[in-house]
Amino acid sequence: MRSGTALVIKGELIASEDVMIDGLFEGTIDVKGHNLVAAAGSRVHAAVTARTVTVDGYLEGHITADSVDIGPTATVEANVIAKHFALEEGAQFKGAVNTERARAAGNIARHRLRPQ
């Protein structure tokens, strides 16, 4: 599925296929097990859940994915939870990154702190 550059979408997007956003999207995007691409020139304001997220445009919100790649033309203002995170030279990123390794360490620490 691919949106057009003049298209404005507001709401909840759930797809069982790869999605490319070329226009403006506001809301939530759930493409678990699939890929999301925010193309150059796109503006996405969303909570995103996907297998992989590639951003070449603008994305603001929250990203949960196995892999996140922020391209050299991207601007991202988001908190990210991902196993793999790549920030290419030239990209702009503002937010927190939590890898699965950090999440696992936090779960272990919480488990150790529980009264037995």
PDB file of N, CA and C in Angstrom:
ATOM      1  N   MET A   1       0.849  -1.174   0.000  1.00  0.00           N
ATOM      2  CA  MET A   1       0.000   0.000   0.000  1.00  0.00           C
ATOM      3  C   MET A   1       0.889   1.229   0.000  1.00  0.00           C
ATOM      4  N   ARG A   2       0.551   2.217  -0.790  1.00  0.00           N
ATOM      5  CA  ARG A   2       1.337   3.441  -0.875  1.00  0.00           C
ATOM      6  C   ARG A   2       0.392   4.632  -0.913  1.00  0.00           C
ATOM      7  N   SER A   3       0.662   5.620  -0.045  1.00  0.00           N
ATOM      8  CA  SER A   3      -0.160   6.832  -0.052  1.00  0.00           C
ATOM      9  C   SER A   3       0.445   7.831  -1.032  1.00  0.00           C
ATOM     10  N   GLY A   4      -0.361   8.775  -1.500  1.00  0.00           N
ATOM     11  CA  GLY A   4       0.124   9.784  -2.429  1.00  0.00           C
ATOM     12  C   GLY A   4       0.624  11.019  -1.718  1.00  0.00           C
ATOM     13  N   THR A   5       1.417  11.838  -2.407  1.00  0.00           N
ATOM     14  CA  THR A   5       2.018  13.015  -1.793  1.00  0.00           C
ATOM     15  C   THR A   5       0.995  14.070  -1.399  1.00  0.00           C
ATOM     16  N   ALA A   6      -0.144  14.142  -2.048  1.00  0.00           N
ATOM     17  CA  ALA A   6      -1.166  15.124  -1.718  1.00  0.00           C
ATOM     18  C   ALA A   6      -2.196  14.569  -0.736  1.00  0.00           C
ATOM     19  N   LEU A   7      -2.014  13.345  -0.311  1.00  0.00           N
ATOM     20  CA  LEU A   7      -2.976  12.678   0.552  1.00  0.00           C
ATOM     21  C   LEU A   7      -2.737  13.034   2.020  1.00  0.00           C
ATOM     22  N   VAL A   8      -3.825  13.355   2.743  1.00  0.00           N
ATOM     23  CA  VAL A   8      -3.781  13.606   4.179  1.00  0.00           C
ATOM     24  C   VAL A   8      -4.655  12.556   4.838  1.00  0.00           C
ATOM     25  N   ILE A   9      -4.065  11.785   5.758  1.00  0.00           N
ATOM     26  CA  ILE A   9      -4.799  10.739   6.463  1.00  0.00           C
ATOM     27  C   ILE A   9      -4.725  11.027   7.953  1.00  0.00           C
ATOM     28  N   LYS A  10      -5.885  10.978   8.633  1.00  0.00           N
ATOM     29  CA  LYS A  10      -5.951  11.138  10.082  1.00  0.00           C
ATOM     30  C   LYS A  10      -6.726   9.954  10.637  1.00  0.00           C
ATOM     31  N   GLY A  11      -6.135   9.255  11.615  1.00  0.00           N
ATOM     32  CA  GLY A  11      -6.838   8.134  12.218  1.00  0.00           C
ATOM     33  C   GLY A  11      -5.924   6.977  12.537  1.00  0.00           C
ATOM     34  N   GLU A  12      -6.481   5.778  12.429  1.00  0.00           N
ATOM     35  CA  GLU A  12      -5.771   4.551  12.766  1.00  0.00           C
ATOM     36  C   GLU A  12      -5.570   3.729  11.495  1.00  0.00           C
ATOM     37  N   LEU A  13      -4.311   3.387  11.220  1.00  0.00           N
ATOM     38  CA  LEU A  13      -3.986   2.572  10.059  1.00  0.00           C
ATOM     39  C   LEU A  13      -3.493   1.218  10.537  1.00  0.00           C
ATOM     40  N   ILE A  14      -4.197   0.159  10.164  1.00  0.00           N
ATOM     41  CA  ILE A  14      -3.784  -1.209  10.458  1.00  0.00           C
ATOM     42  C   ILE A  14      -3.664  -1.922   9.128  1.00  0.00           C
ATOM     43  N   ALA A  15      -2.496  -2.508   8.857  1.00  0.00           N
ATOM     44  CA  ALA A  15      -2.294  -3.173   7.568  1.00  0.00           C
ATOM     45  C   ALA A  15      -1.534  -4.476   7.769  1.00  0.00           C
ATOM     46  N   SER A  16      -1.822  -5.439   6.919  1.00  0.00           N
ATOM     47  CA  SER A  16      -1.092  -6.706   6.938  1.00  0.00           C
ATOM     48  C   SER A  16      -0.222  -6.793   5.689  1.00  0.00           C
ATOM     49  N   GLU A  17       0.374  -5.662   5.344  1.00  0.00           N
ATOM     50  CA  GLU A  17       1.299  -5.569   4.222  1.00  0.00           C
ATOM     51  C   GLU A  17       2.213  -4.373   4.481  1.00  0.00           C
ATOM     52  N   ASP A  18       3.271  -4.245   3.684  1.00  0.00           N
ATOM     53  CA  ASP A  18       4.179  -3.113   3.799  1.00  0.00           C
ATOM     54  C   ASP A  18       3.435  -1.828   3.444  1.00  0.00           C
ATOM     55  N   VAL A  19       3.829  -0.719   4.102  1.00  0.00           N
ATOM     56  CA  VAL A  19       3.175   0.566   3.880  1.00  0.00           C
ATOM     57  C   VAL A  19       4.236   1.636   3.624  1.00  0.00           C
ATOM     58  N   MET A  20       3.985   2.485   2.615  1.00  0.00           N
ATOM     59  CA  MET A  20       4.829   3.641   2.360  1.00  0.00           C
ATOM     60  C   MET A  20       3.957   4.888   2.453  1.00  0.00           C
ATOM     61  N   ILE A  21       4.400   5.838   3.267  1.00  0.00           N
ATOM     62  CA  ILE A  21       3.686   7.096   3.421  1.00  0.00           C
ATOM     63  C   ILE A  21       4.452   8.165   2.646  1.00  0.00           C
ATOM     64  N   ASP A  22       3.765   8.821   1.696  1.00  0.00           N
ATOM     65  CA  ASP A  22       4.359   9.909   0.930  1.00  0.00           C
ATOM     66  C   ASP A  22       3.770  11.262   1.304  1.00  0.00           C
ATOM     67  N   GLY A  23       2.655  11.260   2.003  1.00  0.00           N
ATOM     68  CA  GLY A  23       1.958  12.498   2.325  1.00  0.00           C
ATOM     69  C   GLY A  23       1.987  12.779   3.815  1.00  0.00           C
ATOM     70  N   LEU A  24       0.869  13.247   4.345  1.00  0.00           N
ATOM     71  CA  LEU A  24       0.725  13.581   5.750  1.00  0.00           C
ATOM     72  C   LEU A  24      -0.130  12.518   6.433  1.00  0.00           C
ATOM     73  N   PHE A  25       0.351  12.009   7.556  1.00  0.00           N
ATOM     74  CA  PHE A  25      -0.417  11.030   8.330  1.00  0.00           C
ATOM     75  C   PHE A  25      -0.387  11.460   9.782  1.00  0.00           C
ATOM     76  N   GLU A  26      -1.561  11.434  10.444  1.00  0.00           N
ATOM     77  CA  GLU A  26      -1.677  11.717  11.874  1.00  0.00           C
ATOM     78  C   GLU A  26      -2.515  10.631  12.522  1.00  0.00           C
ATOM     79  N   GLY A  27      -2.000  10.000  13.582  1.00  0.00           N
ATOM     80  CA  GLY A  27      -2.767   8.977  14.289  1.00  0.00           C
ATOM     81  C   GLY A  27      -1.888   7.841  14.749  1.00  0.00           C
ATOM     82  N   THR A  28      -2.332   6.607  14.475  1.00  0.00           N
ATOM     83  CA  THR A  28      -1.553   5.421  14.834  1.00  0.00           C
ATOM     84  C   THR A  28      -1.380   4.548  13.601  1.00  0.00           C
ATOM     85  N   ILE A  29      -0.214   3.900  13.533  1.00  0.00           N
ATOM     86  CA  ILE A  29       0.086   2.995  12.429  1.00  0.00           C
ATOM     87  C   ILE A  29       0.505   1.669  13.029  1.00  0.00           C
ATOM     88  N   ASP A  30      -0.211   0.606  12.675  1.00  0.00           N
ATOM     89  CA  ASP A  30       0.092  -0.737  13.177  1.00  0.00           C
ATOM     90  C   ASP A  30       0.258  -1.665  11.985  1.00  0.00           C
ATOM     91  N   VAL A  31       1.507  -1.962  11.663  1.00  0.00           N
ATOM     92  CA  VAL A  31       1.822  -2.889  10.569  1.00  0.00           C
ATOM     93  C   VAL A  31       2.773  -3.963  11.108  1.00  0.00           C
ATOM     94  N   LYS A  32       2.381  -4.570  12.222  1.00  0.00           N
ATOM     95  CA  LYS A  32       3.203  -5.610  12.859  1.00  0.00           C
ATOM     96  C   LYS A  32       3.589  -6.670  11.842  1.00  0.00           C
ATOM     97  N   GLY A  33       4.879  -7.032  11.846  1.00  0.00           N
ATOM     98  CA  GLY A  33       5.359  -8.052  10.933  1.00  0.00           C
ATOM     99  C   GLY A  33       5.644  -7.534   9.535  1.00  0.00           C
ATOM    100  N   HIS A  34       5.473  -6.227   9.331  1.00  0.00           N
ATOM    101  CA  HIS A  34       5.674  -5.646   8.004  1.00  0.00           C
ATOM    102  C   HIS A  34       6.511  -4.378   8.115  1.00  0.00           C
ATOM    103  N   ASN A  35       6.774  -3.757   6.968  1.00  0.00           N
ATOM    104  CA  ASN A  35       7.657  -2.601   6.904  1.00  0.00           C
ATOM    105  C   ASN A  35       6.870  -1.313   6.709  1.00  0.00           C
ATOM    106  N   LEU A  36       7.345  -0.258   7.366  1.00  0.00           N
ATOM    107  CA  LEU A  36       6.800   1.077   7.161  1.00  0.00           C
ATOM    108  C   LEU A  36       7.920   1.963   6.645  1.00  0.00           C
ATOM    109  N   VAL A  37       7.643   2.696   5.568  1.00  0.00           N
ATOM    110  CA  VAL A  37       8.589   3.674   5.035  1.00  0.00           C
ATOM    111  C   VAL A  37       7.909   5.033   5.049  1.00  0.00           C
ATOM    112  N   ALA A  38       8.543   5.996   5.709  1.00  0.00           N
ATOM    113  CA  ALA A  38       8.100   7.384   5.646  1.00  0.00           C
ATOM    114  C   ALA A  38       9.026   8.054   4.631  1.00  0.00           C
ATOM    115  N   ALA A  39       8.525   8.243   3.415  1.00  0.00           N
ATOM    116  CA  ALA A  39       9.331   8.710   2.294  1.00  0.00           C
ATOM    117  C   ALA A  39       9.787  10.156   2.486  1.00  0.00           C
ATOM    118  N   ALA A  40      10.806  10.544   1.725  1.00  0.00           N
ATOM    119  CA  ALA A  40      11.271  11.932   1.734  1.00  0.00           C
ATOM    120  C   ALA A  40      10.093  12.834   1.411  1.00  0.00           C
ATOM    121  N   GLY A  41       9.933  13.889   2.185  1.00  0.00           N
ATOM    122  CA  GLY A  41       8.817  14.807   1.979  1.00  0.00           C
ATOM    123  C   GLY A  41       7.574  14.458   2.776  1.00  0.00           C
ATOM    124  N   SER A  42       7.537  13.278   3.376  1.00  0.00           N
ATOM    125  CA  SER A  42       6.371  12.884   4.178  1.00  0.00           C
ATOM    126  C   SER A  42       6.425  13.553   5.542  1.00  0.00           C
ATOM    127  N   ARG A  43       5.244  13.671   6.167  1.00  0.00           N
ATOM    128  CA  ARG A  43       5.139  14.182   7.533  1.00  0.00           C
ATOM    129  C   ARG A  43       4.231  13.223   8.295  1.00  0.00           C
ATOM    130  N   VAL A  44       4.804  12.521   9.252  1.00  0.00           N
ATOM    131  CA  VAL A  44       4.068  11.519  10.024  1.00  0.00           C
ATOM    132  C   VAL A  44       4.084  11.931  11.485  1.00  0.00           C
ATOM    133  N   HIS A  45       2.899  12.037  12.065  1.00  0.00           N
ATOM    134  CA  HIS A  45       2.722  12.315  13.496  1.00  0.00           C
ATOM    135  C   HIS A  45       1.963  11.107  14.036  1.00  0.00           C
ATOM    136  N   ALA A  46       2.685  10.119  14.589  1.00  0.00           N
ATOM    137  CA  ALA A  46       2.004   8.868  14.917  1.00  0.00           C
ATOM    138  C   ALA A  46       2.758   8.031  15.932  1.00  0.00           C
ATOM    139  N   ALA A  47       2.007   7.130  16.544  1.00  0.00           N
ATOM    140  CA  ALA A  47       2.579   6.011  17.289  1.00  0.00           C
ATOM    141  C   ALA A  47       2.653   4.869  16.284  1.00  0.00           C
ATOM    142  N   VAL A  48       3.858   4.361  16.047  1.00  0.00           N
ATOM    143  CA  VAL A  48       4.092   3.380  14.986  1.00  0.00           C
ATOM    144  C   VAL A  48       4.537   2.057  15.586  1.00  0.00           C
ATOM    145  N   THR A  49       3.938   0.962  15.113  1.00  0.00           N
ATOM    146  CA  THR A  49       4.368  -0.388  15.444  1.00  0.00           C
ATOM    147  C   THR A  49       4.564  -1.127  14.126  1.00  0.00           C
ATOM    148  N   ALA A  50       5.794  -1.660  13.905  1.00  0.00           N
ATOM    149  CA  ALA A  50       6.102  -2.345  12.650  1.00  0.00           C
ATOM    150  C   ALA A  50       7.301  -3.262  12.855  1.00  0.00           C
ATOM    151  N   ARG A  51       7.556  -4.133  11.861  1.00  0.00           N
ATOM    152  CA  ARG A  51       8.773  -4.948  11.907  1.00  0.00           C
ATOM    153  C   ARG A  51       9.984  -4.061  11.665  1.00  0.00           C
ATOM    154  N   THR A  52       9.943  -3.285  10.573  1.00  0.00           N
ATOM    155  CA  THR A  52      11.010  -2.325  10.296  1.00  0.00           C
ATOM    156  C   THR A  52      10.393  -0.975   9.977  1.00  0.00           C
ATOM    157  N   VAL A  53      11.083   0.073  10.388  1.00  0.00           N
ATOM    158  CA  VAL A  53      10.667   1.437  10.094  1.00  0.00           C
ATOM    159  C   VAL A  53      11.847   2.143   9.449  1.00  0.00           C
ATOM    160  N   THR A  54      11.608   2.703   8.266  1.00  0.00           N
ATOM    161  CA  THR A  54      12.615   3.498   7.568  1.00  0.00           C
ATOM    162  C   THR A  54      12.048   4.894   7.404  1.00  0.00           C
ATOM    163  N   VAL A  55      12.803   5.889   7.860  1.00  0.00           N
ATOM    164  CA  VAL A  55      12.328   7.265   7.780  1.00  0.00           C
ATOM    165  C   VAL A  55      13.288   8.073   6.906  1.00  0.00           C
ATOM    166  N   ASP A  56      12.741   8.661   5.860  1.00  0.00           N
ATOM    167  CA  ASP A  56      13.494   9.583   5.024  1.00  0.00           C
ATOM    168  C   ASP A  56      12.859  10.968   5.044  1.00  0.00           C
ATOM    169  N   GLY A  57      11.678  11.080   5.654  1.00  0.00           N
ATOM    170  CA  GLY A  57      10.961  12.348   5.783  1.00  0.00           C
ATOM    171  C   GLY A  57      10.981  12.815   7.221  1.00  0.00           C
ATOM    172  N   TYR A  58       9.817  13.249   7.716  1.00  0.00           N
ATOM    173  CA  TYR A  58       9.673  13.748   9.082  1.00  0.00           C
ATOM    174  C   TYR A  58       8.745  12.808   9.840  1.00  0.00           C
ATOM    175  N   LEU A  59       9.154  12.402  11.036  1.00  0.00           N
ATOM    176  CA  LEU A  59       8.309  11.556  11.878  1.00  0.00           C
ATOM    177  C   LEU A  59       8.385  12.065  13.304  1.00  0.00           C
ATOM    178  N   GLU A  60       7.210  12.286  13.900  1.00  0.00           N
ATOM    179  CA  GLU A  60       7.116  12.701  15.293  1.00  0.00           C
ATOM    180  C   GLU A  60       6.184  11.732  15.998  1.00  0.00           C
ATOM    181  N   GLY A  61       6.597  11.250  17.182  1.00  0.00           N
ATOM    182  CA  GLY A  61       5.726  10.350  17.935  1.00  0.00           C
ATOM    183  C   GLY A  61       6.489   9.292  18.687  1.00  0.00           C
ATOM    184  N   HIS A  62       6.110   8.036  18.446  1.00  0.00           N
ATOM    185  CA  HIS A  62       6.699   6.892  19.141  1.00  0.00           C
ATOM    186  C   HIS A  62       6.851   5.754  18.129  1.00  0.00           C
ATOM    187  N   ILE A  63       8.010   5.077  18.183  1.00  0.00           N
ATOM    188  CA  ILE A  63       8.270   3.964  17.259  1.00  0.00           C
ATOM    189  C   ILE A  63       8.609   2.715  18.056  1.00  0.00           C
ATOM    190  N   THR A  64       7.901   1.625  17.774  1.00  0.00           N
ATOM    191  CA  THR A  64       8.228   0.308  18.308  1.00  0.00           C
ATOM    192  C   THR A  64       8.427  -0.615  17.119  1.00  0.00           C
ATOM    193  N   ALA A  65       9.659  -1.156  16.973  1.00  0.00           N
ATOM    194  CA  ALA A  65       9.969  -1.984  15.812  1.00  0.00           C
ATOM    195  C   ALA A  65      11.166  -2.870  16.112  1.00  0.00           C
ATOM    196  N   ASP A  66      11.374  -3.888  15.285  1.00  0.00           N
ATOM    197  CA  ASP A  66      12.589  -4.687  15.394  1.00  0.00           C
ATOM    198  C   ASP A  66      13.784  -3.886  14.922  1.00  0.00           C
ATOM    199  N   SER A  67      13.592  -3.108  13.851  1.00  0.00           N
ATOM    200  CA  SER A  67      14.685  -2.360  13.249  1.00  0.00           C
ATOM    201  C   SER A  67      14.197  -0.981  12.824  1.00  0.00           C
ATOM    202  N   VAL A  68      14.995   0.041  13.138  1.00  0.00           N
ATOM    203  CA  VAL A  68      14.677   1.419  12.753  1.00  0.00           C
ATOM    204  C   VAL A  68      15.878   1.993  12.028  1.00  0.00           C
ATOM    205  N   ASP A  69      15.648   2.558  10.838  1.00  0.00           N
ATOM    206  CA  ASP A  69      16.703   3.190  10.044  1.00  0.00           C
ATOM    207  C   ASP A  69      16.273   4.615   9.739  1.00  0.00           C
ATOM    208  N   ILE A  70      17.046   5.570  10.233  1.00  0.00           N
ATOM    209  CA  ILE A  70      16.742   6.974  10.009  1.00  0.00           C
ATOM    210  C   ILE A  70      17.728   7.477   8.960  1.00  0.00           C
ATOM    211  N   GLY A  71      17.193   7.782   7.775  1.00  0.00           N
ATOM    212  CA  GLY A  71      18.003   8.144   6.625  1.00  0.00           C
ATOM    213  C   GLY A  71      18.585   9.549   6.703  1.00  0.00           C
ATOM    214  N   PRO A  72      19.486   9.875   5.783  1.00  0.00           N
ATOM    215  CA  PRO A  72      20.214  11.147   5.825  1.00  0.00           C
ATOM    216  C   PRO A  72      19.344  12.379   5.614  1.00  0.00           C
ATOM    217  N   THR A  73      18.150  12.237   5.044  1.00  0.00           N
ATOM    218  CA  THR A  73      17.258  13.380   4.838  1.00  0.00           C
ATOM    219  C   THR A  73      16.166  13.461   5.893  1.00  0.00           C
ATOM    220  N   ALA A  74      16.218  12.579   6.903  1.00  0.00           N
ATOM    221  CA  ALA A  74      15.133  12.457   7.883  1.00  0.00           C
ATOM    222  C   ALA A  74      15.297  13.407   9.064  1.00  0.00           C
ATOM    223  N   THR A  75      14.143  13.775   9.616  1.00  0.00           N
ATOM    224  CA  THR A  75      14.067  14.453  10.902  1.00  0.00           C
ATOM    225  C   THR A  75      13.091  13.645  11.742  1.00  0.00           C
ATOM    226  N   VAL A  76      13.565  13.156  12.881  1.00  0.00           N
ATOM    227  CA  VAL A  76      12.738  12.318  13.747  1.00  0.00           C
ATOM    228  C   VAL A  76      12.747  12.893  15.155  1.00  0.00           C
ATOM    229  N   GLU A  77      11.552  13.109  15.692  1.00  0.00           N
ATOM    230  CA  GLU A  77      11.361  13.516  17.080  1.00  0.00           C
ATOM    231  C   GLU A  77      10.473  12.451  17.705  1.00  0.00           C
ATOM    232  N   ALA A  78      11.099  11.410  18.244  1.00  0.00           N
ATOM    233  CA  ALA A  78      10.324  10.271  18.730  1.00  0.00           C
ATOM    234  C   ALA A  78      11.113   9.476  19.756  1.00  0.00           C
ATOM    235  N   ASN A  79      10.384   8.765  20.582  1.00  0.00           N
ATOM    236  CA  ASN A  79      10.989   7.760  21.437  1.00  0.00           C
ATOM    237  C   ASN A  79      10.949   6.456  20.672  1.00  0.00           C
ATOM    238  N   VAL A  80      12.056   5.706  20.724  1.00  0.00           N
ATOM    239  CA  VAL A  80      12.202   4.507  19.911  1.00  0.00           C
ATOM    240  C   VAL A  80      12.488   3.305  20.795  1.00  0.00           C
ATOM    241  N   ILE A  81      11.764   2.219  20.559  1.00  0.00           N
ATOM    242  CA  ILE A  81      12.075   0.916  21.155  1.00  0.00           C
ATOM    243  C   ILE A  81      12.348  -0.014  19.986  1.00  0.00           C
ATOM    244  N   ALA A  82      13.594  -0.499  19.887  1.00  0.00           N
ATOM    245  CA  ALA A  82      13.969  -1.324  18.739  1.00  0.00           C
ATOM    246  C   ALA A  82      15.171  -2.194  19.088  1.00  0.00           C
ATOM    247  N   LYS A  83      15.258  -3.358  18.451  1.00  0.00           N
ATOM    248  CA  LYS A  83      16.428  -4.221  18.610  1.00  0.00           C
ATOM    249  C   LYS A  83      17.630  -3.616  17.895  1.00  0.00           C
ATOM    250  N   HIS A  84      17.380  -3.024  16.709  1.00  0.00           N
ATOM    251  CA  HIS A  84      18.443  -2.433  15.900  1.00  0.00           C
ATOM    252  C   HIS A  84      18.051  -1.001  15.569  1.00  0.00           C
ATOM    253  N   PHE A  85      19.012  -0.090  15.717  1.00  0.00           N
ATOM    254  CA  PHE A  85      18.758   1.328  15.469  1.00  0.00           C
ATOM    255  C   PHE A  85      19.912   1.894  14.665  1.00  0.00           C
ATOM    256  N   ALA A  86      19.616   2.506  13.511  1.00  0.00           N
ATOM    257  CA  ALA A  86      20.659   3.106  12.674  1.00  0.00           C
ATOM    258  C   ALA A  86      20.293   4.552  12.388  1.00  0.00           C
ATOM    259  N   LEU A  87      21.255   5.434  12.609  1.00  0.00           N
ATOM    260  CA  LEU A  87      21.085   6.858  12.363  1.00  0.00           C
ATOM    261  C   LEU A  87      22.161   7.258  11.363  1.00  0.00           C
ATOM    262  N   GLU A  88      21.730   7.566  10.143  1.00  0.00           N
ATOM    263  CA  GLU A  88      22.693   7.872   9.086  1.00  0.00           C
ATOM    264  C   GLU A  88      23.177   9.314   9.187  1.00  0.00           C
ATOM    265  N   GLU A  89      24.384   9.558   8.686  1.00  0.00           N
ATOM    266  CA  GLU A  89      24.971  10.886   8.704  1.00  0.00           C
ATOM    267  C   GLU A  89      24.056  11.859   7.969  1.00  0.00           C
ATOM    268  N   GLY A  90      23.816  13.012   8.599  1.00  0.00           N
ATOM    269  CA  GLY A  90      22.928  14.019   8.024  1.00  0.00           C
ATOM    270  C   GLY A  90      21.533  13.992   8.627  1.00  0.00           C
ATOM    271  N   ALA A  91      21.169  12.884   9.232  1.00  0.00           N
ATOM    272  CA  ALA A  91      19.841  12.763   9.850  1.00  0.00           C
ATOM    273  C   ALA A  91      19.776  13.610  11.114  1.00  0.00           C
ATOM    274  N   GLN A  92      18.559  14.030  11.452  1.00  0.00           N
ATOM    275  CA  GLN A  92      18.325  14.753  12.693  1.00  0.00           C
ATOM    276  C   GLN A  92      17.433  13.889  13.575  1.00  0.00           C
ATOM    277  N   PHE A  93      17.862  13.688  14.826  1.00  0.00           N
ATOM    278  CA  PHE A  93      17.099  12.826  15.739  1.00  0.00           C
ATOM    279  C   PHE A  93      17.044  13.465  17.109  1.00  0.00           C
ATOM    280  N   LYS A  94      15.837  13.505  17.675  1.00  0.00           N
ATOM    281  CA  LYS A  94      15.636  13.988  19.036  1.00  0.00           C
ATOM    282  C   LYS A  94      14.690  13.011  19.714  1.00  0.00           C
ATOM    283  N   GLY A  95      15.155  12.370  20.773  1.00  0.00           N
ATOM    284  CA  GLY A  95      14.314  11.421  21.487  1.00  0.00           C
ATOM    285  C   GLY A  95      15.153  10.410  22.231  1.00  0.00           C
ATOM    286  N   ALA A  96      14.485   9.452  22.827  1.00  0.00           N
ATOM    287  CA  ALA A  96      15.148   8.391  23.579  1.00  0.00           C
ATOM    288  C   ALA A  96      15.129   7.111  22.763  1.00  0.00           C
ATOM    289  N   VAL A  97      16.199   6.325  22.892  1.00  0.00           N
ATOM    290  CA  VAL A  97      16.283   5.033  22.211  1.00  0.00           C
ATOM    291  C   VAL A  97      16.441   3.962  23.273  1.00  0.00           C
ATOM    292  N   ASN A  98      15.591   2.947  23.204  1.00  0.00           N
ATOM    293  CA  ASN A  98      15.660   1.821  24.123  1.00  0.00           C
ATOM    294  C   ASN A  98      15.770   0.560  23.277  1.00  0.00           C
ATOM    295  N   THR A  99      16.914  -0.088  23.349  1.00  0.00           N
ATOM    296  CA  THR A  99      17.083  -1.324  22.600  1.00  0.00           C
ATOM    297  C   THR A  99      16.495  -2.482  23.391  1.00  0.00           C
ATOM    298  N   GLU A 100      16.254  -3.583  22.721  1.00  0.00           N
ATOM    299  CA  GLU A 100      15.731  -4.770  23.404  1.00  0.00           C
ATOM    300  C   GLU A 100      16.698  -5.227  24.494  1.00  0.00           C
ATOM    301  N   ARG A 101      17.986  -5.048  24.261  1.00  0.00           N
ATOM    302  CA  ARG A 101      18.968  -5.427  25.277  1.00  0.00           C
ATOM    303  C   ARG A 101      18.746  -4.614  26.544  1.00  0.00           C
ATOM    304  N   ALA A 102      18.481  -3.311  26.387  1.00  0.00           N
ATOM    305  CA  ALA A 102      18.212  -2.465  27.542  1.00  0.00           C
ATOM    306  C   ALA A 102      16.919  -2.879  28.223  1.00  0.00           C
ATOM    307  N   ARG A 103      15.896  -3.235  27.437  1.00  0.00           N
ATOM    308  CA  ARG A 103      14.633  -3.685  28.011  1.00  0.00           C
ATOM    309  C   ARG A 103      14.839  -4.975  28.801  1.00  0.00           C
ATOM    310  N   ALA A 104      15.600  -5.913  28.248  1.00  0.00           N
ATOM    311  CA  ALA A 104      15.867  -7.189  28.933  1.00  0.00           C
ATOM    312  C   ALA A 104      16.617  -6.941  30.240  1.00  0.00           C
ATOM    313  N   ALA A 105      17.601  -6.052  30.220  1.00  0.00           N
ATOM    314  CA  ALA A 105      18.353  -5.736  31.440  1.00  0.00           C
ATOM    315  C   ALA A 105      17.436  -5.127  32.489  1.00  0.00           C
ATOM    316  N   GLY A 106      16.514  -4.265  32.052  1.00  0.00           N
ATOM    317  CA  GLY A 106      15.552  -3.670  32.976  1.00  0.00           C
ATOM    318  C   GLY A 106      14.629  -4.710  33.570  1.00  0.00           C
ATOM    319  N   ASN A 107      14.184  -5.678  32.768  1.00  0.00           N
ATOM    320  CA  ASN A 107      13.328  -6.749  33.278  1.00  0.00           C
ATOM    321  C   ASN A 107      14.062  -7.599  34.307  1.00  0.00           C
ATOM    322  N   ILE A 108      15.326  -7.889  34.060  1.00  0.00           N
ATOM    323  CA  ILE A 108      16.136  -8.658  35.011  1.00  0.00           C
ATOM    324  C   ILE A 108      16.298  -7.872  36.300  1.00  0.00           C
ATOM    325  N   ALA A 109      16.595  -6.586  36.195  1.00  0.00           N
ATOM    326  CA  ALA A 109      16.771  -5.755  37.384  1.00  0.00           C
ATOM    327  C   ALA A 109      15.481  -5.687  38.198  1.00  0.00           C
ATOM    328  N   ARG A 110      14.331  -5.528  37.523  1.00  0.00           N
ATOM    329  CA  ARG A 110      13.057  -5.488  38.251  1.00  0.00           C
ATOM    330  C   ARG A 110      12.788  -6.826  38.944  1.00  0.00           C
ATOM    331  N   HIS A 111      13.123  -7.928  38.262  1.00  0.00           N
ATOM    332  CA  HIS A 111      12.922  -9.251  38.844  1.00  0.00           C
ATOM    333  C   HIS A 111      13.773  -9.421  40.101  1.00  0.00           C
ATOM    334  N   ARG A 112      14.993  -8.956  40.070  1.00  0.00           N
ATOM    335  CA  ARG A 112      15.896  -9.066  41.231  1.00  0.00           C
ATOM    336  C   ARG A 112      15.415  -8.220  42.402  1.00  0.00           C
ATOM    337  N   LEU A 113      14.716  -7.110  42.112  1.00  0.00           N
ATOM    338  CA  LEU A 113      14.267  -6.225  43.171  1.00  0.00           C
ATOM    339  C   LEU A 113      12.968  -6.665  43.834  1.00  0.00           C
ATOM    340  N   ARG A 114      12.277  -7.650  43.236  1.00  0.00           N
ATOM    341  CA  ARG A 114      11.020  -8.135  43.813  1.00  0.00           C
ATOM    342  C   ARG A 114      11.288  -8.861  45.123  1.00  0.00           C
ATOM    343  N   PRO A 115      10.420  -8.607  46.120  1.00  0.00           N
ATOM    344  CA  PRO A 115      10.552  -9.361  47.369  1.00  0.00           C
ATOM    345  C   PRO A 115      10.236 -10.835  47.131  1.00  0.00           C
ATOM    346  N   GLN A 116      11.003 -11.689  47.739  1.00  0.00           N
ATOM    347  CA  GLN A 116      10.816 -13.130  47.516  1.00  0.00           C
ATOM    348  C   GLN A 116      10.195 -13.792  48.708  1.00  0.00           C
TER     349      GLN A 116
END
